[in-house]
Protein backbone atom coordinates (compact mmCIF):
# COMPACT_ATOMS: atom_id res chain seq x y z
CA UNK A 1 -14.84 -71.68 -14.99
CA UNK A 2 -16.46 -72.03 -18.44
CA UNK A 3 -20.20 -72.77 -18.40
CA UNK A 4 -23.12 -72.93 -20.79
CA UNK A 5 -26.17 -70.71 -20.21
CA UNK A 6 -29.61 -70.89 -21.74
CA UNK A 7 -31.26 -67.51 -21.24
CA UNK A 8 -34.81 -66.43 -22.12
CA UNK A 9 -35.78 -62.78 -21.93
CA UNK A 10 -39.32 -61.42 -21.96
CA UNK A 11 -40.75 -57.94 -22.21
CA UNK A 12 -40.52 -55.33 -24.94
CA UNK A 13 -37.41 -56.89 -26.42
CA UNK A 14 -38.23 -57.49 -30.11
CA UNK A 15 -38.09 -54.97 -32.98
CA UNK A 16 -36.12 -52.61 -30.77
CA UNK A 17 -32.49 -53.43 -31.66
CA UNK A 18 -32.15 -55.46 -28.48
CA UNK A 19 -30.30 -58.37 -30.15
CA UNK A 20 -27.65 -56.02 -31.54
CA UNK A 21 -27.17 -54.59 -28.05
CA UNK A 22 -26.69 -58.15 -26.69
CA UNK A 23 -24.19 -58.83 -29.49
CA UNK A 24 -22.11 -55.80 -28.46
CA UNK A 25 -22.03 -56.84 -24.80
CA UNK A 26 -21.17 -60.48 -25.63
CA UNK A 27 -18.35 -59.33 -27.93
CA UNK A 28 -16.83 -57.13 -25.21
CA UNK A 29 -16.97 -60.02 -22.69
CA UNK A 30 -15.58 -62.64 -25.16
CA UNK A 31 -18.70 -64.80 -24.96
CA UNK A 32 -19.64 -67.17 -27.81
CA UNK A 33 -23.16 -68.29 -28.79
CA UNK A 34 -26.19 -66.80 -30.50
CA UNK A 35 -29.28 -64.71 -29.91
CA UNK A 36 -32.61 -64.82 -31.78
CA UNK A 37 -36.25 -63.76 -31.52
CA UNK A 38 -38.89 -66.35 -30.66
CA UNK A 39 -42.41 -66.41 -32.07
CA UNK A 40 -43.92 -65.91 -28.57
CA UNK A 41 -42.23 -62.47 -28.30
CA UNK A 42 -39.30 -63.57 -26.13
CA UNK A 43 -35.59 -63.47 -27.00
CA UNK A 44 -33.52 -66.63 -26.76
CA UNK A 45 -29.85 -66.34 -25.79
CA UNK A 46 -27.65 -69.48 -25.79
CA UNK A 47 -24.00 -68.85 -24.91
CA UNK A 48 -20.82 -70.28 -23.42
CA UNK A 49 -18.00 -68.55 -21.55
CA UNK A 50 -16.56 -67.83 -18.13
CA UNK A 51 -19.29 -67.82 -15.52
CA UNK A 52 -18.23 -64.39 -14.25
CA UNK A 53 -18.47 -63.04 -17.80
CA UNK A 54 -21.93 -64.55 -18.34
CA UNK A 55 -23.15 -63.09 -15.02
CA UNK A 56 -21.82 -59.71 -16.16
CA UNK A 57 -23.66 -60.19 -19.49
CA UNK A 58 -26.96 -60.92 -17.72
CA UNK A 59 -26.55 -57.82 -15.53
CA UNK A 60 -25.72 -55.60 -18.53
CA UNK A 61 -28.69 -56.70 -20.72
CA UNK A 62 -31.26 -56.33 -17.92
CA UNK A 63 -32.20 -52.78 -18.99
CA UNK A 64 -35.15 -50.46 -19.36
CA UNK A 65 -34.10 -47.94 -21.96
CA UNK A 66 -36.54 -46.74 -24.61
CA UNK A 67 -37.63 -48.56 -26.70
CA UNK A 68 -36.38 -51.62 -24.74
CA UNK A 69 -37.98 -52.79 -21.49
CA UNK A 70 -36.79 -56.10 -20.00
CA UNK A 71 -39.41 -57.60 -17.68
CA UNK A 72 -37.97 -61.04 -16.90
CA UNK A 73 -34.78 -63.05 -17.48
CA UNK A 74 -34.74 -66.82 -17.03
CA UNK A 75 -31.31 -68.50 -16.79
CA UNK A 76 -30.35 -72.18 -16.81
CA UNK A 77 -26.67 -73.17 -16.50
CA UNK A 78 -25.24 -76.36 -18.04
CA UNK A 79 -22.08 -78.05 -19.25
CA UNK A 80 -20.40 -76.30 -22.21
CA UNK A 81 -20.21 -78.22 -25.54
CA UNK A 82 -17.69 -75.99 -27.30
CA UNK A 83 -19.89 -75.80 -30.39
CA UNK A 84 -19.71 -72.00 -30.68
CA UNK A 85 -16.66 -70.24 -32.19
CA UNK A 86 -18.18 -66.74 -32.16
CA UNK A 87 -21.35 -64.89 -31.23
CA UNK A 88 -24.05 -64.53 -33.90
CA UNK A 89 -27.41 -62.86 -34.35
CA UNK A 90 -29.96 -65.14 -35.99
CA UNK A 91 -32.24 -62.81 -37.92
CA UNK A 92 -35.66 -63.39 -39.46
CA UNK A 93 -35.90 -64.45 -43.07
CA UNK A 94 -38.51 -61.74 -43.63
CA UNK A 95 -36.41 -58.88 -45.01
CA UNK A 96 -39.08 -56.32 -44.12
CA UNK A 97 -39.02 -57.23 -40.42
CA UNK A 98 -35.24 -57.27 -40.44
CA UNK A 99 -35.13 -53.85 -42.10
CA UNK A 100 -37.56 -52.33 -39.58
CA UNK A 101 -35.49 -53.72 -36.72
CA UNK A 102 -32.32 -52.26 -38.20
CA UNK A 103 -34.06 -48.91 -38.50
CA UNK A 104 -35.17 -49.15 -34.86
CA UNK A 105 -31.57 -49.94 -33.92
CA UNK A 106 -30.33 -46.91 -35.83
CA UNK A 107 -32.88 -44.69 -34.09
CA UNK A 108 -31.79 -46.09 -30.74
CA UNK A 109 -28.14 -45.32 -31.52
CA UNK A 110 -29.09 -41.78 -32.50
CA UNK A 111 -30.96 -41.30 -29.22
CA UNK A 112 -27.93 -42.62 -27.34
CA UNK A 113 -25.69 -40.26 -29.25
CA UNK A 114 -28.00 -37.34 -28.44
CA UNK A 115 -28.12 -38.36 -24.79
CA UNK A 116 -24.35 -38.76 -24.66
CA UNK A 117 -23.90 -35.46 -26.47
CA UNK A 118 -26.29 -33.78 -24.03
CA UNK A 119 -24.42 -35.28 -21.09
CA UNK A 120 -21.10 -34.16 -22.55
CA UNK A 121 -22.49 -30.67 -23.15
CA UNK A 122 -23.75 -30.58 -19.56
CA UNK A 123 -20.35 -31.82 -18.38
CA UNK A 124 -18.58 -29.14 -20.42
CA UNK A 125 -21.01 -26.56 -19.05
CA UNK A 126 -20.30 -27.70 -15.50
CA UNK A 127 -16.58 -27.54 -16.18
CA UNK A 128 -16.99 -24.04 -17.62
CA UNK A 129 -18.94 -23.02 -14.50
CA UNK A 130 -16.23 -24.52 -12.29
CA UNK A 131 -13.56 -22.78 -14.35
CA UNK A 132 -15.45 -19.50 -14.05
CA UNK A 133 -15.73 -19.94 -10.27
CA UNK A 134 -12.03 -20.80 -10.05
CA UNK A 135 -11.18 -17.81 -12.24
CA UNK A 136 -13.26 -15.50 -10.04
CA UNK A 137 -11.69 -17.03 -6.94
CA UNK A 138 -8.24 -16.73 -8.50
CA UNK A 139 -8.73 -13.05 -9.34
CA UNK A 140 -10.14 -12.43 -5.89
CA UNK A 141 -7.20 -14.17 -4.23
CA UNK A 142 -4.79 -12.38 -6.56
CA UNK A 143 -6.38 -9.05 -5.64
CA UNK A 144 -6.09 -9.90 -1.95
CA UNK A 145 -2.46 -10.94 -2.42
CA UNK A 146 -1.71 -7.70 -4.29
CA UNK A 147 -3.42 -5.68 -1.54
CA UNK A 148 -1.47 -7.63 1.06
CA UNK A 149 1.72 -7.13 -0.94
CA UNK A 150 1.15 -3.36 -1.16
CA UNK A 151 0.37 -3.26 2.56
CA UNK A 152 3.49 -5.25 3.44
CA UNK A 153 5.57 -3.11 1.05
CA UNK A 154 4.21 0.03 2.69
CA UNK A 155 5.08 -1.36 6.12
CA UNK A 156 8.57 -2.26 4.96
CA UNK A 157 9.06 1.20 3.44
CA UNK A 158 7.84 2.73 6.73
CA UNK A 159 10.32 0.55 8.64
CA UNK A 160 13.09 1.57 6.25
CA UNK A 161 12.08 5.20 6.76
CA UNK A 162 12.22 4.70 10.52
CA UNK A 163 15.69 3.16 10.24
CA UNK A 164 16.81 6.05 8.04
CA UNK A 165 15.46 8.46 10.66
CA UNK A 166 17.37 6.55 13.37
CA UNK A 167 20.55 6.73 11.27
CA UNK A 168 19.91 10.44 10.70
CA UNK A 169 19.45 10.98 14.44
CA UNK A 170 22.68 9.11 15.13
CA UNK A 171 24.48 11.25 12.55
CA UNK A 172 23.02 14.37 14.19
CA UNK A 173 24.19 13.14 17.60
CA UNK A 174 27.60 12.33 16.17
CA UNK A 175 27.75 15.78 14.58
CA UNK A 176 26.84 17.38 17.91
CA UNK A 177 29.53 15.33 19.66
CA UNK A 178 32.02 16.31 16.95
CA UNK A 179 31.17 19.99 17.32
CA UNK A 180 31.39 19.65 21.08
CA UNK A 181 34.74 17.84 20.75
CA UNK A 182 36.14 20.59 18.53
CA UNK A 183 34.79 23.20 20.92
CA UNK A 184 36.35 21.47 23.94
CA UNK A 185 39.59 20.96 22.00
CA UNK A 186 39.66 24.67 21.14
CA UNK A 187 39.01 25.56 24.76
CA UNK A 188 41.84 23.28 25.93
CA UNK A 189 44.21 24.71 23.33
CA UNK A 190 43.19 28.21 24.44
CA UNK A 191 43.86 27.24 28.06
CA UNK A 192 47.30 25.84 27.09
CA UNK A 193 48.00 29.04 25.18
CA UNK A 194 46.91 31.05 28.25
CA UNK A 195 49.25 29.01 30.43
CA UNK A 196 52.10 29.52 27.97
CA UNK A 197 51.33 33.24 27.95
CA UNK A 198 51.29 33.18 31.74
CA UNK A 199 54.71 31.45 31.81
CA UNK A 200 56.00 34.03 29.32
CA UNK A 201 54.64 36.86 31.46
CA UNK A 202 56.27 35.34 34.52
CA UNK A 203 59.58 35.07 32.61
CA UNK A 204 59.24 38.71 31.51
CA UNK A 205 58.45 39.74 35.07
CA UNK A 206 61.40 37.73 36.30
CA UNK A 207 63.64 39.32 33.70
CA UNK A 208 62.47 42.77 34.78
CA UNK A 209 63.05 41.90 38.41
CA UNK A 210 66.51 40.53 37.52
CA UNK A 211 67.42 43.69 35.65
CA UNK A 212 66.12 45.77 38.52
CA UNK A 213 67.97 43.59 41.01
CA UNK A 214 71.24 43.93 39.13
CA UNK A 215 70.71 47.70 38.96
CA UNK A 216 70.04 47.92 42.67
CA UNK A 217 72.97 45.59 43.24
CA UNK A 218 75.28 47.96 41.38
CA UNK A 219 74.08 50.84 43.46
CA UNK A 220 74.54 48.91 46.66
CA UNK A 221 78.05 47.85 45.58
CA UNK A 222 78.89 51.42 45.04
CA UNK A 223 77.52 52.42 48.47
CA UNK A 224 79.05 49.66 50.48
CA UNK A 225 81.58 47.43 48.83
CA UNK A 226 82.01 45.03 51.75
CA UNK A 227 78.31 44.63 52.32
CA UNK A 228 77.85 44.52 48.62
CA UNK A 229 80.28 41.70 48.24
CA UNK A 230 78.41 39.67 50.88
CA UNK A 231 75.09 40.44 49.36
CA UNK A 232 76.55 39.77 45.93
CA UNK A 233 77.38 36.26 47.04
CA UNK A 234 73.84 35.88 48.35
CA UNK A 235 72.43 37.25 45.13
CA UNK A 236 74.70 34.91 43.17
CA UNK A 237 73.34 32.00 45.17
CA UNK A 238 69.75 33.15 44.62
CA UNK A 239 70.53 33.74 40.99
CA UNK A 240 71.75 30.13 40.74
CA UNK A 241 68.47 28.92 42.23
CA UNK A 242 66.61 31.14 39.78
CA UNK A 243 68.58 29.75 36.86
CA UNK A 244 67.82 26.23 38.10
CA UNK A 245 64.08 26.98 38.22
CA UNK A 246 64.27 28.47 34.74
CA UNK A 247 66.03 25.32 33.54
CA UNK A 248 63.33 23.16 35.15
CA UNK A 249 60.68 25.22 33.43
CA UNK A 250 62.52 24.78 30.15
CA UNK A 251 62.42 21.00 30.70
CA UNK A 252 58.68 21.09 31.47
CA UNK A 253 57.82 23.10 28.36
CA UNK A 254 58.72 20.21 25.91
CA UNK A 255 56.57 17.88 28.02
CA UNK A 256 53.66 20.28 27.69
CA UNK A 257 54.33 20.55 23.95
CA UNK A 258 54.44 16.74 23.67
CA UNK A 259 51.09 16.42 25.45
CA UNK A 260 49.61 19.01 23.08
CA UNK A 261 50.98 17.07 20.08
CA UNK A 262 49.64 13.75 21.44
CA UNK A 263 46.22 15.28 22.04
CA UNK A 264 46.27 16.63 18.48
CA UNK A 265 47.20 13.17 17.09
CA UNK A 266 44.48 11.45 19.14
CA UNK A 267 41.97 14.01 17.88
CA UNK A 268 43.04 13.44 14.26
CA UNK A 269 42.79 9.63 14.74
CA UNK A 270 39.32 9.97 16.26
CA UNK A 271 38.18 12.07 13.33
CA UNK A 272 39.68 9.51 10.92
CA UNK A 273 37.66 6.71 12.58
CA UNK A 274 34.60 8.99 12.52
CA UNK A 275 35.10 9.56 8.77
CA UNK A 276 35.43 5.80 8.17
CA UNK A 277 32.18 5.08 10.05
CA UNK A 278 30.42 7.83 8.12
CA UNK A 279 31.65 6.24 4.86
CA UNK A 280 30.30 2.80 5.93
CA UNK A 281 26.92 4.35 6.83
CA UNK A 282 26.80 6.08 3.42
CA UNK A 283 27.49 2.78 1.63
CA UNK A 284 24.72 1.01 3.63
CA UNK A 285 22.27 3.79 2.77
CA UNK A 286 23.13 3.50 -0.94
CA UNK A 287 22.66 -0.31 -0.81
CA UNK A 288 19.33 0.15 1.01
CA UNK A 289 18.15 2.64 -1.62
CA UNK A 290 19.15 0.22 -4.41
CA UNK A 291 17.14 -2.61 -2.77
CA UNK A 292 14.09 -0.36 -2.46
CA UNK A 293 14.32 0.60 -6.16
CA UNK A 294 14.58 -3.09 -7.12
CA UNK A 295 11.50 -3.95 -5.02
CA UNK A 296 9.55 -1.17 -6.76
CA UNK A 297 10.65 -2.47 -10.20
CA UNK A 298 9.64 -6.06 -9.32
CA UNK A 299 6.27 -4.82 -8.10
CA UNK A 300 5.73 -2.94 -11.37
CA UNK A 301 6.49 -6.11 -13.38
CA UNK A 302 4.01 -8.12 -11.23
CA UNK A 303 1.27 -5.54 -11.78
CA UNK A 304 1.83 -5.47 -15.55
CA UNK A 305 1.70 -9.29 -15.72
CA UNK A 306 -1.52 -9.28 -13.69
CA UNK A 307 -3.13 -6.69 -16.02
CA UNK A 308 -2.08 -8.63 -19.15
CA UNK A 309 -3.39 -11.93 -17.69
CA UNK A 310 -6.70 -10.29 -16.81
CA UNK A 311 -7.02 -8.88 -20.34
CA UNK A 312 -6.33 -12.29 -21.85
CA UNK A 313 -8.96 -13.92 -19.64
CA UNK A 314 -11.50 -11.23 -20.56
CA UNK A 315 -10.66 -11.84 -24.23
CA UNK A 316 -11.35 -15.57 -23.81
CA UNK A 317 -14.77 -14.80 -22.33
């Protein structure tokens, strides 16, 4: 709602640039009217505008800021006439008084500029202090993170070393089992060879006994033909049984040879699977070593970046 306000201000409000200050506030709030000094030392302010804007104007001009000191503000609201198109300062006709007031206004502006500059310098100083604290905190946190990173890296390397030791132990166990397997295989082959030798010895013994038997048989035939003929039949029968046993042994020997061949094939297959597993373990160890080297390289890059950043920050200081 637009209203008219007649405002009278008393205190140290003349010859201090107070009217120019009121003009600035009225301009920013889009208030029309005028302001002038009265002969009794007060300032008269007649204006029209939105009531909220005029209330804001009254609040803004009620100041105590050297060289201005407002002691009282009297306000009377009325109906607007629409006579004002802008806001004006009605100055004294005495050029000397007007000049002194303008000089006071300039001095006031300079003091405000100095105050604002001091505040800005203090603000910048506070920001620099905050930045310094943040920088110190950042370096401290970075140092802690680097220490933590080195500690974690050391733990990981220890764990990798433990895993490598476990793999090494497994390889040692596997090697022991392999040696034991070869040893047992050699012992079994030796036992088979011993059995074959034993069979050969038995065949040789049998051959000797056969030769001896035939020799004794000839002698007996010569001594007693009839008895010899009977015994010859018996010997022929026994010889048939002997030949049958020899044939059975001949049939068993290929079976033994087949078992030896199958055992040899199973052993070769087992060693082939063992070689494949050893190859897989070797590949995993190479991949693990490559990952460790990459981690070390990445850590070196991080340390160099940290050192360069620290040097740049020290250069800025």
